[in-house]
Amino acid sequence: MATVQFIQTTPEELKSEITAGVKAQLEEFLKHYTPKQPNEYLTRQEVAQMFNVDLSTVHNWCKSKKLNPLGLGSRVYFLRSEIEASLKPLNV
């Protein structure tokens, strides 16, 4: 096992050097780190309530490819981000 000796270094100096090194590594990490937001899935009923429309309207939007439904078993879900992206600005 190797032995490390610190000659002419006070404990405070060692502590400050370690702290500075850790701080530099954390700053470098935070430059490249972007937290990922979890996907939010909505049911057909939630989409209908969101736009104050009937379930048949949500079904028609799926058939006309305005919405992209996702399925898990017999359940149908929609990504909130895709629904918000499908909204188009009106030129009024």
N, C-alpha and C. Protein backbone atom coordinates (compact mmCIF):
# COMPACT_ATOMS: atom_id res chain seq x y z
N MET A 1 0.85 -1.17 0.00
CA MET A 1 0.00 0.00 0.00
C MET A 1 0.90 1.23 0.00
N ALA A 2 0.62 2.17 -0.87
CA ALA A 2 1.43 3.37 -0.99
C ALA A 2 1.07 4.35 0.11
N THR A 3 2.06 5.13 0.51
CA THR A 3 1.87 6.13 1.54
C THR A 3 2.01 7.51 0.92
N VAL A 4 1.10 8.38 1.24
CA VAL A 4 1.13 9.75 0.74
C VAL A 4 1.48 10.66 1.91
N GLN A 5 2.49 11.52 1.67
CA GLN A 5 2.88 12.45 2.71
C GLN A 5 2.75 13.87 2.17
N PHE A 6 2.22 14.72 2.98
CA PHE A 6 2.08 16.13 2.62
C PHE A 6 3.10 16.91 3.44
N ILE A 7 4.08 17.41 2.75
CA ILE A 7 5.14 18.15 3.43
C ILE A 7 4.87 19.63 3.25
N GLN A 8 4.97 20.37 4.33
CA GLN A 8 4.76 21.82 4.38
C GLN A 8 3.37 22.21 3.87
N THR A 9 2.38 21.41 4.17
CA THR A 9 0.99 21.70 3.83
C THR A 9 0.16 21.61 5.09
N THR A 10 -0.54 22.68 5.38
CA THR A 10 -1.39 22.67 6.57
C THR A 10 -2.72 21.99 6.23
N PRO A 11 -3.41 21.51 7.22
CA PRO A 11 -4.72 20.90 6.96
C PRO A 11 -5.69 21.86 6.27
N GLU A 12 -5.61 23.15 6.61
CA GLU A 12 -6.50 24.13 5.97
C GLU A 12 -6.19 24.28 4.49
N GLU A 13 -4.88 24.28 4.15
CA GLU A 13 -4.49 24.38 2.74
C GLU A 13 -4.96 23.16 1.96
N LEU A 14 -4.80 21.98 2.55
CA LEU A 14 -5.25 20.75 1.91
C LEU A 14 -6.76 20.77 1.69
N LYS A 15 -7.48 21.22 2.72
CA LYS A 15 -8.94 21.29 2.62
C LYS A 15 -9.35 22.27 1.52
N SER A 16 -8.71 23.41 1.42
CA SER A 16 -9.08 24.39 0.40
C SER A 16 -8.75 23.88 -1.00
N GLU A 17 -7.65 23.14 -1.17
CA GLU A 17 -7.29 22.57 -2.47
C GLU A 17 -8.31 21.51 -2.90
N ILE A 18 -8.70 20.67 -1.97
CA ILE A 18 -9.70 19.64 -2.28
C ILE A 18 -11.03 20.30 -2.63
N THR A 19 -11.44 21.29 -1.86
CA THR A 19 -12.69 22.00 -2.12
C THR A 19 -12.67 22.66 -3.49
N ALA A 20 -11.55 23.30 -3.84
CA ALA A 20 -11.43 23.96 -5.15
C ALA A 20 -11.51 22.94 -6.28
N GLY A 21 -10.89 21.78 -6.11
CA GLY A 21 -10.94 20.74 -7.14
C GLY A 21 -12.34 20.19 -7.33
N VAL A 22 -13.02 19.93 -6.23
CA VAL A 22 -14.39 19.43 -6.31
C VAL A 22 -15.30 20.47 -6.94
N LYS A 23 -15.14 21.73 -6.56
CA LYS A 23 -15.96 22.81 -7.11
C LYS A 23 -15.75 22.94 -8.62
N ALA A 24 -14.52 22.82 -9.08
CA ALA A 24 -14.23 22.91 -10.52
C ALA A 24 -14.88 21.76 -11.27
N GLN A 25 -14.83 20.56 -10.70
CA GLN A 25 -15.46 19.40 -11.34
C GLN A 25 -16.98 19.56 -11.40
N LEU A 26 -17.58 20.06 -10.33
CA LEU A 26 -19.03 20.28 -10.32
C LEU A 26 -19.45 21.34 -11.33
N GLU A 27 -18.69 22.41 -11.45
CA GLU A 27 -19.02 23.45 -12.43
C GLU A 27 -18.93 22.90 -13.85
N GLU A 28 -17.93 22.08 -14.13
CA GLU A 28 -17.79 21.47 -15.45
C GLU A 28 -18.96 20.53 -15.73
N PHE A 29 -19.35 19.76 -14.72
CA PHE A 29 -20.49 18.86 -14.87
C PHE A 29 -21.78 19.63 -15.15
N LEU A 30 -22.00 20.73 -14.43
CA LEU A 30 -23.23 21.49 -14.58
C LEU A 30 -23.31 22.21 -15.93
N LYS A 31 -22.18 22.47 -16.56
CA LYS A 31 -22.19 23.09 -17.89
C LYS A 31 -22.83 22.17 -18.92
N HIS A 32 -22.62 20.87 -18.77
CA HIS A 32 -23.09 19.90 -19.77
C HIS A 32 -24.34 19.14 -19.32
N TYR A 33 -24.79 19.38 -18.11
CA TYR A 33 -25.93 18.64 -17.59
C TYR A 33 -27.22 19.39 -17.86
N THR A 34 -28.16 18.71 -18.48
CA THR A 34 -29.50 19.26 -18.66
C THR A 34 -30.49 18.22 -18.13
N PRO A 35 -31.24 18.58 -17.11
CA PRO A 35 -32.17 17.60 -16.54
C PRO A 35 -33.27 17.25 -17.54
N LYS A 36 -33.62 16.01 -17.59
CA LYS A 36 -34.66 15.53 -18.50
C LYS A 36 -36.00 15.53 -17.78
N GLN A 37 -36.95 16.21 -18.38
CA GLN A 37 -38.30 16.24 -17.81
C GLN A 37 -39.00 14.92 -18.14
N PRO A 38 -39.69 14.34 -17.18
CA PRO A 38 -40.41 13.10 -17.48
C PRO A 38 -41.57 13.38 -18.42
N ASN A 39 -41.86 12.42 -19.29
CA ASN A 39 -42.98 12.55 -20.21
C ASN A 39 -44.29 12.49 -19.44
N GLU A 40 -45.21 13.34 -19.81
CA GLU A 40 -46.53 13.32 -19.19
C GLU A 40 -47.52 12.76 -20.20
N TYR A 41 -48.19 11.69 -19.82
CA TYR A 41 -49.15 11.03 -20.69
C TYR A 41 -50.56 11.39 -20.26
N LEU A 42 -51.41 11.67 -21.24
CA LEU A 42 -52.80 12.02 -20.98
C LEU A 42 -53.71 10.95 -21.58
N THR A 43 -54.83 10.71 -20.93
CA THR A 43 -55.83 9.79 -21.48
C THR A 43 -56.72 10.55 -22.46
N ARG A 44 -57.56 9.80 -23.16
CA ARG A 44 -58.50 10.44 -24.10
C ARG A 44 -59.43 11.40 -23.35
N GLN A 45 -59.86 10.98 -22.17
CA GLN A 45 -60.77 11.81 -21.38
C GLN A 45 -60.08 13.11 -20.97
N GLU A 46 -58.82 13.03 -20.57
CA GLU A 46 -58.08 14.24 -20.17
C GLU A 46 -57.87 15.19 -21.35
N VAL A 47 -57.62 14.63 -22.54
CA VAL A 47 -57.46 15.46 -23.73
C VAL A 47 -58.79 16.14 -24.06
N ALA A 48 -59.88 15.39 -23.97
CA ALA A 48 -61.20 15.96 -24.23
C ALA A 48 -61.51 17.08 -23.25
N GLN A 49 -61.18 16.89 -21.98
CA GLN A 49 -61.41 17.94 -20.99
C GLN A 49 -60.50 19.13 -21.23
N MET A 50 -59.29 18.88 -21.66
CA MET A 50 -58.33 19.96 -21.90
C MET A 50 -58.85 20.94 -22.96
N PHE A 51 -59.48 20.40 -24.01
CA PHE A 51 -59.97 21.24 -25.10
C PHE A 51 -61.48 21.45 -25.04
N ASN A 52 -62.10 20.91 -24.01
CA ASN A 52 -63.54 21.06 -23.82
C ASN A 52 -64.31 20.57 -25.05
N VAL A 53 -63.96 19.35 -25.47
CA VAL A 53 -64.62 18.72 -26.61
C VAL A 53 -65.09 17.33 -26.19
N ASP A 54 -65.82 16.68 -27.08
CA ASP A 54 -66.35 15.35 -26.84
C ASP A 54 -65.29 14.30 -27.19
N LEU A 55 -65.43 13.09 -26.65
CA LEU A 55 -64.50 12.01 -26.97
C LEU A 55 -64.50 11.68 -28.45
N SER A 56 -65.65 11.83 -29.10
CA SER A 56 -65.69 11.54 -30.54
C SER A 56 -64.82 12.52 -31.32
N THR A 57 -64.70 13.75 -30.85
CA THR A 57 -63.83 14.72 -31.51
C THR A 57 -62.37 14.29 -31.37
N VAL A 58 -61.99 13.82 -30.20
CA VAL A 58 -60.63 13.32 -30.00
C VAL A 58 -60.37 12.13 -30.93
N HIS A 59 -61.37 11.25 -31.07
CA HIS A 59 -61.25 10.11 -31.97
C HIS A 59 -61.07 10.58 -33.42
N ASN A 60 -61.83 11.58 -33.83
CA ASN A 60 -61.71 12.11 -35.19
C ASN A 60 -60.34 12.76 -35.42
N TRP A 61 -59.81 13.44 -34.42
CA TRP A 61 -58.48 14.04 -34.53
C TRP A 61 -57.42 12.96 -34.72
N CYS A 62 -57.62 11.81 -34.07
CA CYS A 62 -56.68 10.70 -34.24
C CYS A 62 -56.77 10.12 -35.65
N LYS A 63 -57.99 9.96 -36.15
CA LYS A 63 -58.18 9.41 -37.50
C LYS A 63 -57.61 10.34 -38.56
N SER A 64 -57.71 11.64 -38.35
CA SER A 64 -57.21 12.61 -39.33
C SER A 64 -55.74 12.95 -39.10
N LYS A 65 -55.07 12.22 -38.20
CA LYS A 65 -53.64 12.37 -37.91
C LYS A 65 -53.28 13.72 -37.28
N LYS A 66 -54.26 14.40 -36.68
CA LYS A 66 -53.95 15.64 -35.96
C LYS A 66 -53.32 15.33 -34.62
N LEU A 67 -53.68 14.18 -34.06
CA LEU A 67 -53.09 13.70 -32.80
C LEU A 67 -52.47 12.34 -33.04
N ASN A 68 -51.41 12.06 -32.28
CA ASN A 68 -50.71 10.78 -32.41
C ASN A 68 -50.98 9.95 -31.15
N PRO A 69 -51.92 9.00 -31.23
CA PRO A 69 -52.23 8.20 -30.04
C PRO A 69 -51.16 7.14 -29.80
N LEU A 70 -50.93 6.85 -28.52
CA LEU A 70 -50.02 5.78 -28.12
C LEU A 70 -50.84 4.76 -27.34
N GLY A 71 -50.52 3.50 -27.50
CA GLY A 71 -51.31 2.48 -26.84
C GLY A 71 -50.51 1.59 -25.92
N LEU A 72 -51.15 1.15 -24.87
CA LEU A 72 -50.60 0.17 -23.95
C LEU A 72 -51.74 -0.78 -23.61
N GLY A 73 -51.72 -1.95 -24.24
CA GLY A 73 -52.84 -2.85 -24.10
C GLY A 73 -54.05 -2.25 -24.80
N SER A 74 -55.15 -2.15 -24.10
CA SER A 74 -56.35 -1.55 -24.68
C SER A 74 -56.49 -0.07 -24.32
N ARG A 75 -55.51 0.48 -23.65
CA ARG A 75 -55.57 1.88 -23.23
C ARG A 75 -54.89 2.78 -24.26
N VAL A 76 -55.41 3.99 -24.39
CA VAL A 76 -54.88 4.97 -25.34
C VAL A 76 -54.38 6.17 -24.56
N TYR A 77 -53.16 6.60 -24.91
CA TYR A 77 -52.55 7.76 -24.25
C TYR A 77 -52.01 8.73 -25.29
N PHE A 78 -51.79 9.95 -24.85
CA PHE A 78 -51.23 10.99 -25.70
C PHE A 78 -50.13 11.70 -24.91
N LEU A 79 -49.03 12.01 -25.57
CA LEU A 79 -47.98 12.80 -24.93
C LEU A 79 -48.42 14.25 -24.88
N ARG A 80 -48.35 14.85 -23.71
CA ARG A 80 -48.74 16.26 -23.57
C ARG A 80 -47.91 17.15 -24.49
N SER A 81 -46.63 16.87 -24.61
CA SER A 81 -45.75 17.70 -25.45
C SER A 81 -46.17 17.62 -26.91
N GLU A 82 -46.60 16.45 -27.38
CA GLU A 82 -47.05 16.33 -28.77
C GLU A 82 -48.38 17.04 -28.99
N ILE A 83 -49.24 17.00 -27.99
CA ILE A 83 -50.53 17.70 -28.13
C ILE A 83 -50.29 19.20 -28.21
N GLU A 84 -49.42 19.71 -27.35
CA GLU A 84 -49.13 21.15 -27.38
C GLU A 84 -48.41 21.54 -28.66
N ALA A 85 -47.60 20.64 -29.21
CA ALA A 85 -46.91 20.92 -30.46
C ALA A 85 -47.85 20.88 -31.66
N SER A 86 -48.97 20.16 -31.53
CA SER A 86 -49.91 20.08 -32.65
C SER A 86 -50.78 21.32 -32.78
N LEU A 87 -50.78 22.16 -31.77
CA LEU A 87 -51.53 23.43 -31.86
C LEU A 87 -50.84 24.36 -32.84
N LYS A 88 -51.64 24.99 -33.68
CA LYS A 88 -51.09 25.90 -34.70
C LYS A 88 -51.60 27.31 -34.45
N PRO A 89 -50.75 28.29 -34.65
CA PRO A 89 -51.22 29.69 -34.47
C PRO A 89 -52.20 30.08 -35.57
N LEU A 90 -53.17 30.88 -35.19
CA LEU A 90 -54.15 31.38 -36.15
C LEU A 90 -53.73 32.75 -36.65
N ASN A 91 -53.87 32.97 -37.92
CA ASN A 91 -53.55 34.29 -38.51
C ASN A 91 -54.84 35.10 -38.57
N VAL A 92 -55.17 35.70 -37.48
CA VAL A 92 -56.42 36.47 -37.40
C VAL A 92 -56.11 37.94 -37.46
